[in-house]
């Protein structure tokens, strides 16, 4: 393998490491963790087969595929300064399968578009109105789907009314609470979230263009709700604003709906028709009134 090919492979393995384990580098992943990642990919492969209605048997990943074939035989020898001509190339069909399960078209698409890391440190969200409500933030940690009715800004541009669903994850990193969210195509949003009293604030940026988004929401009766044993906040309503290059600032009414079972969570964005079975009835009820879910008076 060439040095460039190994660098691309390392990017992929670091991407997988962060995606599944929230660890920064493949070196930090144990053999048993790589086996669990293989199992995760096999689950994704099964879902893809069912979705595409493919009847042929899937080429599942062996338990030690990532650890033995990619770590032991390729990355470790490279880092140990073994001769590059002694390191064989991986099966690129397998690499294409891996990145397709991560949401990319093929391996080249991943190389050209995947972002190594998010610049969380560049996002500033400090509104010292009161002590940070960490109890609320801890309650919000988990997987969510986000829905908005992203209609054309110009009234004369009539298109089919649809609802956009994004996948979002909130997680804690040290003293900060971070957010990752899918966008159109393969780009991602990343951000920070904080809370004061019963208000929740999110600031996000995109991996592919400079367009920050801001979310402001309020959870009514939050102190009483969090005081109930076992209570879990399952739905949040936000005003979401962003500025694009060729339009005025826009504001959307956006709903975050908690995913009840993380194993069914699909980390992608989809454009849904109003009669889609993937659209929960209570979400459609919220978004049915165009005037209420699209704010045009800036």
C-alpha atoms as a PDB file:
ATOM      1  CA  UNK A   1       0.000   0.000   0.000  1.00  0.00           C
ATOM      2  CA  UNK A   2       1.102   3.561  -0.576  1.00  0.00           C
ATOM      3  CA  UNK A   3       1.464   6.063   2.247  1.00  0.00           C
ATOM      4  CA  UNK A   4      -1.558   7.991   0.940  1.00  0.00           C
ATOM      5  CA  UNK A   5      -3.706   4.831   0.891  1.00  0.00           C
ATOM      6  CA  UNK A   6      -2.743   4.079   4.479  1.00  0.00           C
ATOM      7  CA  UNK A   7      -3.555   7.640   5.511  1.00  0.00           C
ATOM      8  CA  UNK A   8      -7.013   7.265   3.980  1.00  0.00           C
ATOM      9  CA  UNK A   9      -7.500   3.942   5.747  1.00  0.00           C
ATOM     10  CA  UNK A  10      -6.451   5.514   9.047  1.00  0.00           C
ATOM     11  CA  UNK A  11      -9.001   8.298   8.520  1.00  0.00           C
ATOM     12  CA  UNK A  12     -11.701   5.689   8.017  1.00  0.00           C
ATOM     13  CA  UNK A  13     -10.724   3.739  11.121  1.00  0.00           C
ATOM     14  CA  UNK A  14     -10.610   6.917  13.216  1.00  0.00           C
ATOM     15  CA  UNK A  15     -14.006   7.896  11.814  1.00  0.00           C
ATOM     16  CA  UNK A  16     -15.449   4.509  12.813  1.00  0.00           C
ATOM     17  CA  UNK A  17     -13.795   4.781  16.239  1.00  0.00           C
ATOM     18  CA  UNK A  18     -15.472   8.125  16.880  1.00  0.00           C
ATOM     19  CA  UNK A  19     -18.786   7.130  15.307  1.00  0.00           C
ATOM     20  CA  UNK A  20     -19.315   4.030  17.462  1.00  0.00           C
ATOM     21  CA  UNK A  21     -17.240   4.597  20.596  1.00  0.00           C
ATOM     22  CA  UNK A  22     -16.591   8.347  20.840  1.00  0.00           C
ATOM     23  CA  UNK A  23     -12.866   7.625  20.990  1.00  0.00           C
ATOM     24  CA  UNK A  24     -10.429   9.762  19.023  1.00  0.00           C
ATOM     25  CA  UNK A  25      -8.094   7.181  17.455  1.00  0.00           C
ATOM     26  CA  UNK A  26      -8.150   3.554  16.366  1.00  0.00           C
ATOM     27  CA  UNK A  27      -5.191   2.923  18.716  1.00  0.00           C
ATOM     28  CA  UNK A  28      -7.540   3.458  21.675  1.00  0.00           C
ATOM     29  CA  UNK A  29      -9.872   0.607  20.639  1.00  0.00           C
ATOM     30  CA  UNK A  30      -9.485  -2.879  22.111  1.00  0.00           C
ATOM     31  CA  UNK A  31      -9.846  -6.182  20.249  1.00  0.00           C
ATOM     32  CA  UNK A  32     -13.208  -6.871  21.914  1.00  0.00           C
ATOM     33  CA  UNK A  33     -14.451  -3.380  20.977  1.00  0.00           C
ATOM     34  CA  UNK A  34     -13.524  -4.014  17.341  1.00  0.00           C
ATOM     35  CA  UNK A  35     -15.517  -7.257  17.530  1.00  0.00           C
ATOM     36  CA  UNK A  36     -18.525  -5.284  18.769  1.00  0.00           C
ATOM     37  CA  UNK A  37     -18.090  -2.820  15.908  1.00  0.00           C
ATOM     38  CA  UNK A  38     -18.121  -5.749  13.448  1.00  0.00           C
ATOM     39  CA  UNK A  39     -21.421  -6.849  14.975  1.00  0.00           C
ATOM     40  CA  UNK A  40     -22.793  -3.308  14.608  1.00  0.00           C
ATOM     41  CA  UNK A  41     -21.856  -3.265  10.921  1.00  0.00           C
ATOM     42  CA  UNK A  42     -23.528  -6.651  10.408  1.00  0.00           C
ATOM     43  CA  UNK A  43     -26.721  -5.256  11.946  1.00  0.00           C
ATOM     44  CA  UNK A  44     -26.559  -2.258   9.598  1.00  0.00           C
ATOM     45  CA  UNK A  45     -25.935  -4.607   6.673  1.00  0.00           C
ATOM     46  CA  UNK A  46     -29.056  -6.612   7.554  1.00  0.00           C
ATOM     47  CA  UNK A  47     -31.123  -3.427   7.669  1.00  0.00           C
ATOM     48  CA  UNK A  48     -29.741  -2.333   4.303  1.00  0.00           C
ATOM     49  CA  UNK A  49     -30.560  -5.738   2.753  1.00  0.00           C
ATOM     50  CA  UNK A  50     -34.158  -5.546   4.032  1.00  0.00           C
ATOM     51  CA  UNK A  51     -34.578  -1.933   2.924  1.00  0.00           C
ATOM     52  CA  UNK A  52     -33.311  -2.663  -0.597  1.00  0.00           C
ATOM     53  CA  UNK A  53     -35.174  -6.024  -0.644  1.00  0.00           C
ATOM     54  CA  UNK A  54     -32.000  -7.887  -1.564  1.00  0.00           C
ATOM     55  CA  UNK A  55     -32.587 -11.639  -1.318  1.00  0.00           C
ATOM     56  CA  UNK A  56     -29.019 -12.840  -1.771  1.00  0.00           C
ATOM     57  CA  UNK A  57     -27.101 -13.653   1.403  1.00  0.00           C
ATOM     58  CA  UNK A  58     -25.234 -10.706   2.857  1.00  0.00           C
ATOM     59  CA  UNK A  59     -21.427 -10.838   3.046  1.00  0.00           C
ATOM     60  CA  UNK A  60     -21.192 -10.310   6.792  1.00  0.00           C
ATOM     61  CA  UNK A  61     -18.034  -9.113   8.516  1.00  0.00           C
ATOM     62  CA  UNK A  62     -16.157 -11.633  10.596  1.00  0.00           C
ATOM     63  CA  UNK A  63     -15.791 -10.931  14.298  1.00  0.00           C
ATOM     64  CA  UNK A  64     -12.122  -9.998  13.901  1.00  0.00           C
ATOM     65  CA  UNK A  65     -12.272  -8.395  10.455  1.00  0.00           C
ATOM     66  CA  UNK A  66     -11.426  -4.879  11.621  1.00  0.00           C
ATOM     67  CA  UNK A  67      -8.895  -5.899  14.240  1.00  0.00           C
ATOM     68  CA  UNK A  68      -6.963  -8.568  12.314  1.00  0.00           C
ATOM     69  CA  UNK A  69      -7.271  -7.427   8.695  1.00  0.00           C
ATOM     70  CA  UNK A  70      -7.066  -3.661   9.091  1.00  0.00           C
ATOM     71  CA  UNK A  71      -5.369  -2.985  12.437  1.00  0.00           C
ATOM     72  CA  UNK A  72      -2.892  -5.875  12.818  1.00  0.00           C
ATOM     73  CA  UNK A  73      -2.030  -6.389   9.146  1.00  0.00           C
ATOM     74  CA  UNK A  74      -2.028  -2.795   7.905  1.00  0.00           C
ATOM     75  CA  UNK A  75      -2.111   0.078  10.373  1.00  0.00           C
ATOM     76  CA  UNK A  76       0.197  -1.366  13.038  1.00  0.00           C
ATOM     77  CA  UNK A  77       2.927  -2.426  10.572  1.00  0.00           C
ATOM     78  CA  UNK A  78       2.751   1.023   8.969  1.00  0.00           C
ATOM     79  CA  UNK A  79       3.112   2.766  12.340  1.00  0.00           C
ATOM     80  CA  UNK A  80       5.980   0.386  13.191  1.00  0.00           C
ATOM     81  CA  UNK A  81       7.762   1.655  10.042  1.00  0.00           C
ATOM     82  CA  UNK A  82       7.612  -1.674   8.231  1.00  0.00           C
ATOM     83  CA  UNK A  83       8.256  -1.430   4.442  1.00  0.00           C
ATOM     84  CA  UNK A  84       5.128  -0.217   2.673  1.00  0.00           C
ATOM     85  CA  UNK A  85       5.547  -2.722  -0.159  1.00  0.00           C
ATOM     86  CA  UNK A  86       5.106  -5.497   2.419  1.00  0.00           C
ATOM     87  CA  UNK A  87       1.643  -4.250   3.423  1.00  0.00           C
ATOM     88  CA  UNK A  88      -1.051  -5.639   1.141  1.00  0.00           C
ATOM     89  CA  UNK A  89      -3.994  -3.546   0.003  1.00  0.00           C
ATOM     90  CA  UNK A  90      -7.371  -4.166   1.652  1.00  0.00           C
ATOM     91  CA  UNK A  91     -10.379  -5.455  -0.209  1.00  0.00           C
ATOM     92  CA  UNK A  92     -11.789  -2.211  -1.584  1.00  0.00           C
ATOM     93  CA  UNK A  93     -15.205  -3.797  -2.139  1.00  0.00           C
ATOM     94  CA  UNK A  94     -15.317  -4.286   1.638  1.00  0.00           C
ATOM     95  CA  UNK A  95     -14.291  -0.668   2.188  1.00  0.00           C
ATOM     96  CA  UNK A  96     -17.076   0.443  -0.157  1.00  0.00           C
ATOM     97  CA  UNK A  97     -19.540  -1.622   1.885  1.00  0.00           C
ATOM     98  CA  UNK A  98     -18.287  -0.085   5.133  1.00  0.00           C
ATOM     99  CA  UNK A  99     -18.639   3.523   3.980  1.00  0.00           C
ATOM    100  CA  UNK A 100     -22.021   2.874   2.341  1.00  0.00           C
ATOM    101  CA  UNK A 101     -23.295   1.701   5.725  1.00  0.00           C
ATOM    102  CA  UNK A 102     -21.970   4.960   7.164  1.00  0.00           C
ATOM    103  CA  UNK A 103     -23.980   6.962   4.624  1.00  0.00           C
ATOM    104  CA  UNK A 104     -21.453   7.554   1.830  1.00  0.00           C
ATOM    105  CA  UNK A 105     -21.812   6.545  -1.814  1.00  0.00           C
ATOM    106  CA  UNK A 106     -18.435   4.800  -2.014  1.00  0.00           C
ATOM    107  CA  UNK A 107     -14.910   4.908  -0.593  1.00  0.00           C
ATOM    108  CA  UNK A 108     -13.847   7.788  -2.854  1.00  0.00           C
ATOM    109  CA  UNK A 109     -16.882   9.758  -1.697  1.00  0.00           C
ATOM    110  CA  UNK A 110     -15.806   9.173   1.900  1.00  0.00           C
ATOM    111  CA  UNK A 111     -12.227  10.291   1.196  1.00  0.00           C
ATOM    112  CA  UNK A 112     -13.431  13.480  -0.496  1.00  0.00           C
ATOM    113  CA  UNK A 113     -16.145  14.449   1.975  1.00  0.00           C
ATOM    114  CA  UNK A 114     -15.620  12.938   5.422  1.00  0.00           C
ATOM    115  CA  UNK A 115     -14.570  15.362   8.128  1.00  0.00           C
ATOM    116  CA  UNK A 116     -11.856  14.166  10.487  1.00  0.00           C
ATOM    117  CA  UNK A 117     -13.104  16.092  13.480  1.00  0.00           C
ATOM    118  CA  UNK A 118     -15.505  18.832  14.481  1.00  0.00           C
ATOM    119  CA  UNK A 119     -14.281  22.225  15.704  1.00  0.00           C
ATOM    120  CA  UNK A 120     -16.374  22.207  18.853  1.00  0.00           C
ATOM    121  CA  UNK A 121     -13.901  24.550  20.555  1.00  0.00           C
ATOM    122  CA  UNK A 122     -14.754  27.301  18.054  1.00  0.00           C
ATOM    123  CA  UNK A 123     -18.389  27.355  19.153  1.00  0.00           C
ATOM    124  CA  UNK A 124     -19.066  29.706  22.050  1.00  0.00           C
ATOM    125  CA  UNK A 125     -22.290  29.321  23.995  1.00  0.00           C
ATOM    126  CA  UNK A 126     -22.069  31.081  27.336  1.00  0.00           C
ATOM    127  CA  UNK A 127     -25.151  32.925  28.539  1.00  0.00           C
ATOM    128  CA  UNK A 128     -24.533  33.575  32.257  1.00  0.00           C
ATOM    129  CA  UNK A 129     -28.137  34.159  33.268  1.00  0.00           C
ATOM    130  CA  UNK A 130     -28.194  31.545  36.007  1.00  0.00           C
ATOM    131  CA  UNK A 131     -26.429  28.315  37.012  1.00  0.00           C
ATOM    132  CA  UNK A 132     -26.358  25.732  34.228  1.00  0.00           C
ATOM    133  CA  UNK A 133     -29.225  23.258  34.593  1.00  0.00           C
ATOM    134  CA  UNK A 134     -27.123  20.101  34.357  1.00  0.00           C
ATOM    135  CA  UNK A 135     -30.020  17.932  35.577  1.00  0.00           C
ATOM    136  CA  UNK A 136     -31.989  18.900  32.472  1.00  0.00           C
ATOM    137  CA  UNK A 137     -28.984  18.465  30.182  1.00  0.00           C
ATOM    138  CA  UNK A 138     -28.299  14.984  31.585  1.00  0.00           C
ATOM    139  CA  UNK A 139     -31.931  14.126  30.869  1.00  0.00           C
ATOM    140  CA  UNK A 140     -31.533  15.218  27.249  1.00  0.00           C
ATOM    141  CA  UNK A 141     -28.540  12.949  26.538  1.00  0.00           C
ATOM    142  CA  UNK A 142     -29.458  10.332  23.926  1.00  0.00           C
ATOM    143  CA  UNK A 143     -30.669   9.837  20.346  1.00  0.00           C
ATOM    144  CA  UNK A 144     -33.344  12.039  18.792  1.00  0.00           C
ATOM    145  CA  UNK A 145     -35.097  12.630  15.488  1.00  0.00           C
ATOM    146  CA  UNK A 146     -35.714  16.262  14.543  1.00  0.00           C
ATOM    147  CA  UNK A 147     -38.609  17.335  12.343  1.00  0.00           C
ATOM    148  CA  UNK A 148     -39.351  20.588  10.544  1.00  0.00           C
ATOM    149  CA  UNK A 149     -41.474  21.680   7.643  1.00  0.00           C
ATOM    150  CA  UNK A 150     -38.790  23.362   5.615  1.00  0.00           C
ATOM    151  CA  UNK A 151     -40.940  25.165   3.054  1.00  0.00           C
ATOM    152  CA  UNK A 152     -39.673  27.525   0.323  1.00  0.00           C
ATOM    153  CA  UNK A 153     -39.036  31.044   1.569  1.00  0.00           C
ATOM    154  CA  UNK A 154     -40.666  32.630  -1.463  1.00  0.00           C
ATOM    155  CA  UNK A 155     -44.416  32.112  -1.606  1.00  0.00           C
ATOM    156  CA  UNK A 156     -44.453  31.970  -5.430  1.00  0.00           C
ATOM    157  CA  UNK A 157     -42.238  28.847  -5.364  1.00  0.00           C
ATOM    158  CA  UNK A 158     -44.854  26.166  -4.840  1.00  0.00           C
ATOM    159  CA  UNK A 159     -43.534  22.668  -4.205  1.00  0.00           C
ATOM    160  CA  UNK A 160     -44.932  19.531  -2.689  1.00  0.00           C
ATOM    161  CA  UNK A 161     -45.321  19.967   1.042  1.00  0.00           C
ATOM    162  CA  UNK A 162     -42.914  17.714   2.859  1.00  0.00           C
ATOM    163  CA  UNK A 163     -41.298  17.317   6.259  1.00  0.00           C
ATOM    164  CA  UNK A 164     -37.582  16.941   6.826  1.00  0.00           C
ATOM    165  CA  UNK A 165     -36.338  14.490   9.454  1.00  0.00           C
ATOM    166  CA  UNK A 166     -32.775  14.634  10.722  1.00  0.00           C
ATOM    167  CA  UNK A 167     -31.005  12.319  13.144  1.00  0.00           C
ATOM    168  CA  UNK A 168     -29.394  13.878  16.188  1.00  0.00           C
ATOM    169  CA  UNK A 169     -27.351  12.721  19.161  1.00  0.00           C
ATOM    170  CA  UNK A 170     -26.707  14.634  22.398  1.00  0.00           C
ATOM    171  CA  UNK A 171     -23.834  13.403  24.562  1.00  0.00           C
ATOM    172  CA  UNK A 172     -21.642  14.627  27.390  1.00  0.00           C
ATOM    173  CA  UNK A 173     -17.917  15.233  26.954  1.00  0.00           C
ATOM    174  CA  UNK A 174     -16.220  16.362  30.154  1.00  0.00           C
ATOM    175  CA  UNK A 175     -18.132  19.369  31.430  1.00  0.00           C
ATOM    176  CA  UNK A 176     -19.672  20.143  28.035  1.00  0.00           C
ATOM    177  CA  UNK A 177     -22.735  18.764  26.276  1.00  0.00           C
ATOM    178  CA  UNK A 178     -22.233  18.249  22.551  1.00  0.00           C
ATOM    179  CA  UNK A 179     -24.586  17.683  19.645  1.00  0.00           C
ATOM    180  CA  UNK A 180     -24.118  15.944  16.294  1.00  0.00           C
ATOM    181  CA  UNK A 181     -26.812  16.089  13.666  1.00  0.00           C
ATOM    182  CA  UNK A 182     -27.201  14.884  10.097  1.00  0.00           C
ATOM    183  CA  UNK A 183     -27.840  17.247   7.196  1.00  0.00           C
ATOM    184  CA  UNK A 184     -28.677  16.928   3.541  1.00  0.00           C
ATOM    185  CA  UNK A 185     -26.323  14.728   1.561  1.00  0.00           C
ATOM    186  CA  UNK A 186     -23.378  13.628   3.651  1.00  0.00           C
ATOM    187  CA  UNK A 187     -22.669  16.799   5.574  1.00  0.00           C
ATOM    188  CA  UNK A 188     -23.101  17.015   9.322  1.00  0.00           C
ATOM    189  CA  UNK A 189     -23.923  19.673  11.855  1.00  0.00           C
ATOM    190  CA  UNK A 190     -22.064  19.757  15.143  1.00  0.00           C
ATOM    191  CA  UNK A 191     -22.774  21.927  18.138  1.00  0.00           C
ATOM    192  CA  UNK A 192     -22.986  22.639  21.827  1.00  0.00           C
ATOM    193  CA  UNK A 193     -26.039  22.658  24.068  1.00  0.00           C
ATOM    194  CA  UNK A 194     -26.611  24.349  27.411  1.00  0.00           C
ATOM    195  CA  UNK A 195     -29.545  25.128  29.662  1.00  0.00           C
ATOM    196  CA  UNK A 196     -30.457  27.835  32.155  1.00  0.00           C
ATOM    197  CA  UNK A 197     -33.570  27.355  34.300  1.00  0.00           C
ATOM    198  CA  UNK A 198     -36.118  25.811  31.887  1.00  0.00           C
ATOM    199  CA  UNK A 199     -34.583  27.207  28.689  1.00  0.00           C
ATOM    200  CA  UNK A 200     -32.426  25.168  26.327  1.00  0.00           C
ATOM    201  CA  UNK A 201     -29.943  26.770  23.908  1.00  0.00           C
ATOM    202  CA  UNK A 202     -28.122  25.055  21.030  1.00  0.00           C
ATOM    203  CA  UNK A 203     -25.582  26.529  18.626  1.00  0.00           C
ATOM    204  CA  UNK A 204     -24.519  24.498  15.593  1.00  0.00           C
ATOM    205  CA  UNK A 205     -22.246  24.784  12.617  1.00  0.00           C
ATOM    206  CA  UNK A 206     -21.936  22.744   9.435  1.00  0.00           C
ATOM    207  CA  UNK A 207     -19.007  20.685   8.175  1.00  0.00           C
ATOM    208  CA  UNK A 208     -19.426  21.828   4.584  1.00  0.00           C
ATOM    209  CA  UNK A 209     -20.269  25.530   4.709  1.00  0.00           C
ATOM    210  CA  UNK A 210     -20.372  28.396   7.179  1.00  0.00           C
ATOM    211  CA  UNK A 211     -23.982  28.664   8.290  1.00  0.00           C
ATOM    212  CA  UNK A 212     -24.579  28.610  11.994  1.00  0.00           C
ATOM    213  CA  UNK A 213     -27.931  27.518  13.366  1.00  0.00           C
ATOM    214  CA  UNK A 214     -29.343  28.532  16.708  1.00  0.00           C
ATOM    215  CA  UNK A 215     -32.036  26.715  18.660  1.00  0.00           C
ATOM    216  CA  UNK A 216     -33.967  28.125  21.595  1.00  0.00           C
ATOM    217  CA  UNK A 217     -36.556  26.074  23.464  1.00  0.00           C
ATOM    218  CA  UNK A 218     -38.338  26.071  26.801  1.00  0.00           C
ATOM    219  CA  UNK A 219     -39.367  23.026  28.802  1.00  0.00           C
ATOM    220  CA  UNK A 220     -42.429  23.945  30.852  1.00  0.00           C
ATOM    221  CA  UNK A 221     -42.613  22.809  34.498  1.00  0.00           C
ATOM    222  CA  UNK A 222     -39.143  21.318  34.162  1.00  0.00           C
ATOM    223  CA  UNK A 223     -38.317  21.301  37.876  1.00  0.00           C
ATOM    224  CA  UNK A 224     -41.489  19.404  38.725  1.00  0.00           C
ATOM    225  CA  UNK A 225     -41.037  16.965  35.857  1.00  0.00           C
ATOM    226  CA  UNK A 226     -37.414  16.160  36.667  1.00  0.00           C
ATOM    227  CA  UNK A 227     -38.332  15.630  40.323  1.00  0.00           C
ATOM    228  CA  UNK A 228     -40.563  12.695  39.396  1.00  0.00           C
ATOM    229  CA  UNK A 229     -38.676   9.393  39.703  1.00  0.00           C
ATOM    230  CA  UNK A 230     -37.965   7.821  36.326  1.00  0.00           C
ATOM    231  CA  UNK A 231     -39.386  10.725  34.316  1.00  0.00           C
ATOM    232  CA  UNK A 232     -37.840  11.182  30.867  1.00  0.00           C
ATOM    233  CA  UNK A 233     -38.313  14.152  28.572  1.00  0.00           C
ATOM    234  CA  UNK A 234     -39.257  12.693  25.198  1.00  0.00           C
ATOM    235  CA  UNK A 235     -40.150  15.778  23.158  1.00  0.00           C
ATOM    236  CA  UNK A 236     -38.782  19.307  22.754  1.00  0.00           C
ATOM    237  CA  UNK A 237     -40.044  22.202  20.653  1.00  0.00           C
ATOM    238  CA  UNK A 238     -37.539  24.731  19.349  1.00  0.00           C
ATOM    239  CA  UNK A 239     -37.391  27.886  17.350  1.00  0.00           C
ATOM    240  CA  UNK A 240     -34.520  27.218  14.932  1.00  0.00           C
ATOM    241  CA  UNK A 241     -32.896  30.083  13.045  1.00  0.00           C
ATOM    242  CA  UNK A 242     -30.168  30.192  10.445  1.00  0.00           C
ATOM    243  CA  UNK A 243     -28.750  32.543   7.844  1.00  0.00           C
ATOM    244  CA  UNK A 244     -27.955  31.369   4.338  1.00  0.00           C
ATOM    245  CA  UNK A 245     -25.969  33.174   1.674  1.00  0.00           C
ATOM    246  CA  UNK A 246     -28.800  34.119  -0.657  1.00  0.00           C
ATOM    247  CA  UNK A 247     -31.825  34.496   1.603  1.00  0.00           C
ATOM    248  CA  UNK A 248     -33.007  36.514   4.546  1.00  0.00           C
ATOM    249  CA  UNK A 249     -32.710  34.928   7.981  1.00  0.00           C
ATOM    250  CA  UNK A 250     -35.282  32.177   8.392  1.00  0.00           C
ATOM    251  CA  UNK A 251     -36.866  30.679  11.467  1.00  0.00           C
ATOM    252  CA  UNK A 252     -38.452  27.252  11.750  1.00  0.00           C
ATOM    253  CA  UNK A 253     -40.587  25.591  14.347  1.00  0.00           C
ATOM    254  CA  UNK A 254     -38.687  22.371  15.003  1.00  0.00           C
ATOM    255  CA  UNK A 255     -39.563  19.316  17.085  1.00  0.00           C
ATOM    256  CA  UNK A 256     -37.068  16.953  18.699  1.00  0.00           C
ATOM    257  CA  UNK A 257     -38.571  13.518  19.320  1.00  0.00           C
ATOM    258  CA  UNK A 258     -36.580  11.052  21.428  1.00  0.00           C
ATOM    259  CA  UNK A 259     -35.788   7.687  19.815  1.00  0.00           C
ATOM    260  CA  UNK A 260     -37.246   5.054  22.179  1.00  0.00           C
ATOM    261  CA  UNK A 261     -34.850   2.298  21.159  1.00  0.00           C
ATOM    262  CA  UNK A 262     -31.276   3.265  20.277  1.00  0.00           C
ATOM    263  CA  UNK A 263     -30.829   0.015  18.305  1.00  0.00           C
ATOM    264  CA  UNK A 264     -33.408   1.220  15.757  1.00  0.00           C
ATOM    265  CA  UNK A 265     -31.759   4.645  15.449  1.00  0.00           C
ATOM    266  CA  UNK A 266     -30.687   5.403  11.886  1.00  0.00           C
ATOM    267  CA  UNK A 267     -28.111   8.155  11.595  1.00  0.00           C
ATOM    268  CA  UNK A 268     -29.341   9.774   8.414  1.00  0.00           C
ATOM    269  CA  UNK A 269     -31.624  12.516   7.125  1.00  0.00           C
ATOM    270  CA  UNK A 270     -34.741  11.821   5.101  1.00  0.00           C
ATOM    271  CA  UNK A 271     -37.259  13.933   3.215  1.00  0.00           C
ATOM    272  CA  UNK A 272     -40.742  12.660   4.136  1.00  0.00           C
ATOM    273  CA  UNK A 273     -44.062  13.108   2.411  1.00  0.00           C
ATOM    274  CA  UNK A 274     -46.918  14.140   4.703  1.00  0.00           C
ATOM    275  CA  UNK A 275     -48.475  10.666   4.451  1.00  0.00           C
ATOM    276  CA  UNK A 276     -45.223   8.819   5.189  1.00  0.00           C
ATOM    277  CA  UNK A 277     -45.511   5.970   7.740  1.00  0.00           C
ATOM    278  CA  UNK A 278     -42.172   7.160   9.151  1.00  0.00           C
ATOM    279  CA  UNK A 279     -43.825  10.364  10.326  1.00  0.00           C
ATOM    280  CA  UNK A 280     -45.322   9.973  13.834  1.00  0.00           C
ATOM    281  CA  UNK A 281     -48.924  11.161  14.149  1.00  0.00           C
ATOM    282  CA  UNK A 282     -48.160  13.558  16.989  1.00  0.00           C
ATOM    283  CA  UNK A 283     -45.373  15.176  14.942  1.00  0.00           C
ATOM    284  CA  UNK A 284     -47.638  15.637  11.942  1.00  0.00           C
ATOM    285  CA  UNK A 285     -50.250  17.219  14.205  1.00  0.00           C
ATOM    286  CA  UNK A 286     -47.684  19.767  15.377  1.00  0.00           C
ATOM    287  CA  UNK A 287     -46.494  20.590  11.869  1.00  0.00           C
ATOM    288  CA  UNK A 288     -49.865  20.576  10.113  1.00  0.00           C
ATOM    289  CA  UNK A 289     -50.416  24.325  10.454  1.00  0.00           C
ATOM    290  CA  UNK A 290     -48.051  26.089   8.070  1.00  0.00           C
ATOM    291  CA  UNK A 291     -48.434  29.467   9.724  1.00  0.00           C
ATOM    292  CA  UNK A 292     -47.456  28.132  13.112  1.00  0.00           C
ATOM    293  CA  UNK A 293     -44.401  26.146  12.022  1.00  0.00           C
ATOM    294  CA  UNK A 294     -42.830  28.638   9.653  1.00  0.00           C
ATOM    295  CA  UNK A 295     -42.060  32.097  11.027  1.00  0.00           C
ATOM    296  CA  UNK A 296     -41.622  34.745   8.338  1.00  0.00           C
ATOM    297  CA  UNK A 297     -41.661  37.943  10.385  1.00  0.00           C
ATOM    298  CA  UNK A 298     -37.976  38.445  11.261  1.00  0.00           C
END
